[in-house]
Amino acid sequence: MIMAGEGKHRVWLRKQELDKGLVLMLGGGESSHVGGAAYVTPDGDEDIMEVKGHHDMKVLLPIARGACEKYGVPVMAVGGIHIENASKSDIELLVSNCMELLKCI
């Protein structure tokens, strides 16, 4: 598991390698949840599933794309990050921390 950030802005990513693909699970903030899923293939196909009212796709899709590009296999990224009554700066910091995770995949 890799982590970035501190306190309520800490995010984490778990990676599970499969025979023909990769599953990434993202969580963090004050509570983790399933807010969406992004599936990306080396051929450029993309599918997303977004839970109504959630914005986790802002980080799940770039993470899935980055991992797919790096490893050349289909990638499913799933998860969610929650901070109660998050401010704009809270969200910006969470997104930034998620992009740090992407560098470490």
N, C-alpha and C. Protein backbone atom coordinates (compact mmCIF):
# COMPACT_ATOMS: atom_id res chain seq x y z
N MET A 1 0.85 -1.17 0.00
CA MET A 1 0.00 0.00 0.00
C MET A 1 0.90 1.23 0.00
N ILE A 2 0.52 2.21 -0.81
CA ILE A 2 1.25 3.47 -0.83
C ILE A 2 0.34 4.57 -0.28
N MET A 3 0.93 5.58 0.34
CA MET A 3 0.16 6.66 0.95
C MET A 3 0.78 8.00 0.60
N ALA A 4 -0.06 9.03 0.65
CA ALA A 4 0.41 10.40 0.46
C ALA A 4 -0.46 11.31 1.33
N GLY A 5 0.14 12.36 1.86
CA GLY A 5 -0.60 13.32 2.67
C GLY A 5 -0.61 12.95 4.13
N GLU A 6 -1.20 13.84 4.92
CA GLU A 6 -1.26 13.65 6.37
C GLU A 6 -2.66 13.97 6.89
N GLY A 7 -2.97 13.40 8.05
CA GLY A 7 -4.24 13.68 8.71
C GLY A 7 -5.42 13.35 7.82
N LYS A 8 -6.41 14.23 7.84
CA LYS A 8 -7.62 13.97 7.06
C LYS A 8 -7.38 14.07 5.55
N HIS A 9 -6.20 14.52 5.16
CA HIS A 9 -5.86 14.61 3.74
C HIS A 9 -5.01 13.43 3.26
N ARG A 10 -4.80 12.46 4.13
CA ARG A 10 -4.04 11.27 3.73
C ARG A 10 -4.89 10.41 2.81
N VAL A 11 -4.28 9.96 1.74
CA VAL A 11 -4.92 9.03 0.81
C VAL A 11 -4.03 7.81 0.64
N TRP A 12 -4.63 6.70 0.27
CA TRP A 12 -3.85 5.47 0.10
C TRP A 12 -4.34 4.72 -1.14
N LEU A 13 -3.46 3.87 -1.64
CA LEU A 13 -3.76 3.08 -2.83
C LEU A 13 -3.20 1.68 -2.65
N ARG A 14 -4.04 0.70 -2.86
CA ARG A 14 -3.61 -0.70 -2.85
C ARG A 14 -3.65 -1.23 -4.27
N LYS A 15 -2.66 -2.04 -4.59
CA LYS A 15 -2.54 -2.58 -5.95
C LYS A 15 -2.61 -4.10 -5.88
N GLN A 16 -3.47 -4.68 -6.70
CA GLN A 16 -3.56 -6.14 -6.81
C GLN A 16 -3.32 -6.53 -8.26
N GLU A 17 -2.21 -7.21 -8.48
CA GLU A 17 -1.90 -7.66 -9.84
C GLU A 17 -2.67 -8.95 -10.12
N LEU A 18 -3.24 -9.02 -11.31
CA LEU A 18 -3.94 -10.21 -11.78
C LEU A 18 -3.14 -10.80 -12.93
N ASP A 19 -3.53 -11.98 -13.39
CA ASP A 19 -2.82 -12.58 -14.52
C ASP A 19 -2.89 -11.68 -15.75
N LYS A 20 -4.02 -11.04 -15.95
CA LYS A 20 -4.20 -10.20 -17.15
C LYS A 20 -4.81 -8.85 -16.77
N GLY A 21 -4.22 -8.18 -15.84
CA GLY A 21 -4.73 -6.87 -15.47
C GLY A 21 -4.30 -6.44 -14.08
N LEU A 22 -4.86 -5.33 -13.67
CA LEU A 22 -4.49 -4.72 -12.40
C LEU A 22 -5.73 -4.09 -11.79
N VAL A 23 -5.92 -4.29 -10.48
CA VAL A 23 -7.00 -3.65 -9.75
C VAL A 23 -6.37 -2.72 -8.72
N LEU A 24 -6.83 -1.47 -8.72
CA LEU A 24 -6.34 -0.47 -7.77
C LEU A 24 -7.50 -0.06 -6.87
N MET A 25 -7.27 -0.02 -5.56
CA MET A 25 -8.28 0.41 -4.61
C MET A 25 -7.79 1.67 -3.92
N LEU A 26 -8.57 2.74 -4.03
CA LEU A 26 -8.22 4.06 -3.50
C LEU A 26 -9.11 4.40 -2.31
N GLY A 27 -8.50 4.94 -1.27
CA GLY A 27 -9.28 5.38 -0.11
C GLY A 27 -8.56 6.49 0.61
N GLY A 28 -9.19 6.98 1.67
CA GLY A 28 -8.56 8.00 2.48
C GLY A 28 -9.53 9.05 2.95
N GLY A 29 -8.97 10.19 3.38
CA GLY A 29 -9.79 11.24 3.95
C GLY A 29 -10.25 10.83 5.33
N GLU A 30 -11.43 11.28 5.72
CA GLU A 30 -11.99 10.89 7.01
C GLU A 30 -12.66 9.53 6.94
N SER A 31 -13.13 9.17 5.74
CA SER A 31 -13.71 7.83 5.55
C SER A 31 -13.60 7.43 4.08
N SER A 32 -13.33 6.16 3.88
CA SER A 32 -13.22 5.59 2.53
C SER A 32 -14.57 4.99 2.14
N HIS A 33 -14.85 4.98 0.87
CA HIS A 33 -16.11 4.43 0.38
C HIS A 33 -15.97 4.07 -1.09
N VAL A 34 -17.01 3.51 -1.66
CA VAL A 34 -17.03 3.24 -3.10
C VAL A 34 -17.84 4.35 -3.75
N GLY A 35 -17.11 5.30 -4.34
CA GLY A 35 -17.75 6.43 -4.99
C GLY A 35 -17.74 6.32 -6.50
N GLY A 36 -16.98 5.34 -7.00
CA GLY A 36 -16.91 5.17 -8.44
C GLY A 36 -15.88 4.14 -8.83
N ALA A 37 -15.84 3.87 -10.13
CA ALA A 37 -14.86 2.93 -10.68
C ALA A 37 -14.52 3.37 -12.09
N ALA A 38 -13.26 3.19 -12.44
CA ALA A 38 -12.79 3.53 -13.79
C ALA A 38 -12.03 2.34 -14.35
N TYR A 39 -12.37 1.96 -15.59
CA TYR A 39 -11.72 0.84 -16.27
C TYR A 39 -11.09 1.37 -17.54
N VAL A 40 -9.80 1.10 -17.71
CA VAL A 40 -9.05 1.59 -18.87
C VAL A 40 -8.26 0.44 -19.47
N THR A 41 -8.26 0.34 -20.81
CA THR A 41 -7.49 -0.71 -21.48
C THR A 41 -6.37 -0.08 -22.30
N PRO A 42 -5.34 -0.88 -22.61
CA PRO A 42 -4.25 -0.37 -23.45
C PRO A 42 -4.71 0.08 -24.84
N ASP A 43 -5.86 -0.43 -25.30
CA ASP A 43 -6.41 -0.04 -26.61
C ASP A 43 -7.09 1.32 -26.57
N GLY A 44 -7.19 1.91 -25.38
CA GLY A 44 -7.81 3.22 -25.25
C GLY A 44 -9.27 3.20 -24.85
N ASP A 45 -9.83 2.00 -24.64
CA ASP A 45 -11.22 1.92 -24.19
C ASP A 45 -11.30 2.37 -22.73
N GLU A 46 -12.35 3.10 -22.40
CA GLU A 46 -12.56 3.55 -21.03
C GLU A 46 -14.03 3.41 -20.66
N ASP A 47 -14.28 2.91 -19.48
CA ASP A 47 -15.63 2.84 -18.92
C ASP A 47 -15.56 3.38 -17.51
N ILE A 48 -16.59 4.14 -17.13
CA ILE A 48 -16.64 4.63 -15.76
C ILE A 48 -17.99 4.32 -15.15
N MET A 49 -18.01 4.20 -13.84
CA MET A 49 -19.23 4.06 -13.06
C MET A 49 -19.09 5.05 -11.92
N GLU A 50 -19.97 6.03 -11.90
CA GLU A 50 -19.88 7.09 -10.91
C GLU A 50 -21.14 7.07 -10.04
N VAL A 51 -20.97 7.01 -8.74
CA VAL A 51 -22.10 7.07 -7.83
C VAL A 51 -22.64 8.50 -7.82
N LYS A 52 -23.94 8.64 -7.94
CA LYS A 52 -24.57 9.96 -8.00
C LYS A 52 -24.13 10.81 -6.80
N GLY A 53 -23.72 12.04 -7.10
CA GLY A 53 -23.32 12.96 -6.05
C GLY A 53 -21.88 12.85 -5.61
N HIS A 54 -21.14 11.91 -6.19
CA HIS A 54 -19.73 11.72 -5.82
C HIS A 54 -18.84 12.27 -6.94
N HIS A 55 -17.64 12.67 -6.56
CA HIS A 55 -16.72 13.27 -7.53
C HIS A 55 -15.39 12.53 -7.58
N ASP A 56 -15.39 11.28 -7.16
CA ASP A 56 -14.16 10.50 -7.08
C ASP A 56 -13.55 10.21 -8.44
N MET A 57 -14.34 10.34 -9.50
CA MET A 57 -13.82 10.06 -10.84
C MET A 57 -12.73 11.05 -11.23
N LYS A 58 -12.71 12.23 -10.58
CA LYS A 58 -11.67 13.22 -10.86
C LYS A 58 -10.28 12.66 -10.60
N VAL A 59 -10.19 11.69 -9.70
CA VAL A 59 -8.89 11.08 -9.42
C VAL A 59 -8.81 9.63 -9.88
N LEU A 60 -9.93 8.91 -9.87
CA LEU A 60 -9.89 7.50 -10.27
C LEU A 60 -9.51 7.32 -11.73
N LEU A 61 -10.09 8.12 -12.61
CA LEU A 61 -9.79 7.97 -14.04
C LEU A 61 -8.33 8.30 -14.37
N PRO A 62 -7.77 9.40 -13.88
CA PRO A 62 -6.35 9.65 -14.15
C PRO A 62 -5.43 8.58 -13.57
N ILE A 63 -5.79 8.04 -12.41
CA ILE A 63 -4.97 6.98 -11.82
C ILE A 63 -5.04 5.72 -12.69
N ALA A 64 -6.24 5.36 -13.14
CA ALA A 64 -6.38 4.17 -14.00
C ALA A 64 -5.63 4.37 -15.31
N ARG A 65 -5.75 5.54 -15.90
CA ARG A 65 -5.04 5.82 -17.15
C ARG A 65 -3.52 5.72 -16.96
N GLY A 66 -3.02 6.31 -15.90
CA GLY A 66 -1.58 6.30 -15.65
C GLY A 66 -1.04 4.90 -15.43
N ALA A 67 -1.77 4.10 -14.66
CA ALA A 67 -1.33 2.72 -14.41
C ALA A 67 -1.39 1.89 -15.68
N CYS A 68 -2.44 2.09 -16.48
CA CYS A 68 -2.57 1.36 -17.75
C CYS A 68 -1.42 1.70 -18.68
N GLU A 69 -1.09 2.97 -18.76
CA GLU A 69 0.02 3.40 -19.62
C GLU A 69 1.35 2.81 -19.13
N LYS A 70 1.55 2.80 -17.83
CA LYS A 70 2.81 2.30 -17.28
C LYS A 70 2.97 0.79 -17.45
N TYR A 71 1.91 0.03 -17.17
CA TYR A 71 2.01 -1.43 -17.17
C TYR A 71 1.53 -2.09 -18.45
N GLY A 72 0.77 -1.38 -19.28
CA GLY A 72 0.30 -1.95 -20.54
C GLY A 72 -0.72 -3.05 -20.38
N VAL A 73 -1.50 -3.00 -19.30
CA VAL A 73 -2.54 -3.99 -19.05
C VAL A 73 -3.84 -3.26 -18.71
N PRO A 74 -5.00 -3.95 -18.82
CA PRO A 74 -6.24 -3.33 -18.38
C PRO A 74 -6.18 -3.01 -16.88
N VAL A 75 -6.75 -1.88 -16.51
CA VAL A 75 -6.73 -1.44 -15.11
C VAL A 75 -8.13 -1.04 -14.67
N MET A 76 -8.52 -1.51 -13.49
CA MET A 76 -9.75 -1.08 -12.84
C MET A 76 -9.35 -0.35 -11.56
N ALA A 77 -9.73 0.91 -11.45
CA ALA A 77 -9.50 1.69 -10.23
C ALA A 77 -10.85 1.94 -9.58
N VAL A 78 -10.95 1.62 -8.29
CA VAL A 78 -12.22 1.74 -7.58
C VAL A 78 -11.97 2.37 -6.22
N GLY A 79 -12.94 3.09 -5.71
CA GLY A 79 -12.81 3.62 -4.36
C GLY A 79 -13.45 4.98 -4.20
N GLY A 80 -13.06 5.62 -3.11
CA GLY A 80 -13.59 6.94 -2.82
C GLY A 80 -12.96 7.52 -1.57
N ILE A 81 -12.95 8.83 -1.52
CA ILE A 81 -12.34 9.58 -0.43
C ILE A 81 -13.39 10.56 0.07
N HIS A 82 -13.53 10.67 1.40
CA HIS A 82 -14.55 11.58 1.93
C HIS A 82 -14.01 12.40 3.09
N ILE A 83 -14.27 13.70 3.04
CA ILE A 83 -14.09 14.60 4.17
C ILE A 83 -15.42 15.33 4.34
N GLU A 84 -15.99 15.24 5.51
CA GLU A 84 -17.27 15.90 5.79
C GLU A 84 -17.12 17.41 5.60
N ASN A 85 -18.06 18.00 4.86
CA ASN A 85 -18.07 19.44 4.60
C ASN A 85 -16.73 19.95 4.07
N ALA A 86 -16.17 19.22 3.12
CA ALA A 86 -14.86 19.56 2.56
C ALA A 86 -14.88 20.94 1.91
N SER A 87 -13.86 21.72 2.21
CA SER A 87 -13.70 23.03 1.58
C SER A 87 -13.02 22.84 0.22
N LYS A 88 -12.99 23.90 -0.56
CA LYS A 88 -12.30 23.85 -1.84
C LYS A 88 -10.83 23.50 -1.64
N SER A 89 -10.19 24.05 -0.62
CA SER A 89 -8.78 23.75 -0.37
C SER A 89 -8.59 22.30 0.08
N ASP A 90 -9.56 21.75 0.84
CA ASP A 90 -9.49 20.32 1.21
C ASP A 90 -9.49 19.47 -0.05
N ILE A 91 -10.39 19.77 -0.96
CA ILE A 91 -10.51 18.98 -2.19
C ILE A 91 -9.26 19.11 -3.04
N GLU A 92 -8.74 20.32 -3.17
CA GLU A 92 -7.52 20.53 -3.95
C GLU A 92 -6.35 19.74 -3.37
N LEU A 93 -6.24 19.70 -2.04
CA LEU A 93 -5.16 18.95 -1.41
C LEU A 93 -5.34 17.45 -1.60
N LEU A 94 -6.57 16.96 -1.49
CA LEU A 94 -6.82 15.53 -1.73
C LEU A 94 -6.46 15.15 -3.16
N VAL A 95 -6.87 15.97 -4.12
CA VAL A 95 -6.54 15.69 -5.53
C VAL A 95 -5.03 15.69 -5.72
N SER A 96 -4.35 16.66 -5.15
CA SER A 96 -2.89 16.73 -5.25
C SER A 96 -2.24 15.49 -4.65
N ASN A 97 -2.73 15.06 -3.50
CA ASN A 97 -2.17 13.87 -2.86
C ASN A 97 -2.43 12.62 -3.71
N CYS A 98 -3.58 12.55 -4.35
CA CYS A 98 -3.86 11.41 -5.23
C CYS A 98 -2.92 11.41 -6.43
N MET A 99 -2.57 12.56 -6.95
CA MET A 99 -1.63 12.62 -8.06
C MET A 99 -0.23 12.21 -7.61
N GLU A 100 0.09 12.41 -6.34
CA GLU A 100 1.35 11.90 -5.79
C GLU A 100 1.34 10.38 -5.78
N LEU A 101 0.20 9.78 -5.46
CA LEU A 101 0.08 8.31 -5.50
C LEU A 101 0.36 7.81 -6.91
N LEU A 102 -0.16 8.51 -7.89
CA LEU A 102 0.03 8.10 -9.28
C LEU A 102 1.50 8.01 -9.64
N LYS A 103 2.31 8.91 -9.11
CA LYS A 103 3.75 8.88 -9.38
C LYS A 103 4.42 7.64 -8.81
N CYS A 104 3.80 7.02 -7.80
CA CYS A 104 4.42 5.89 -7.09
C CYS A 104 3.87 4.53 -7.50
N ILE A 105 2.89 4.51 -8.39
CA ILE A 105 2.28 3.23 -8.77
C ILE A 105 3.32 2.35 -9.45
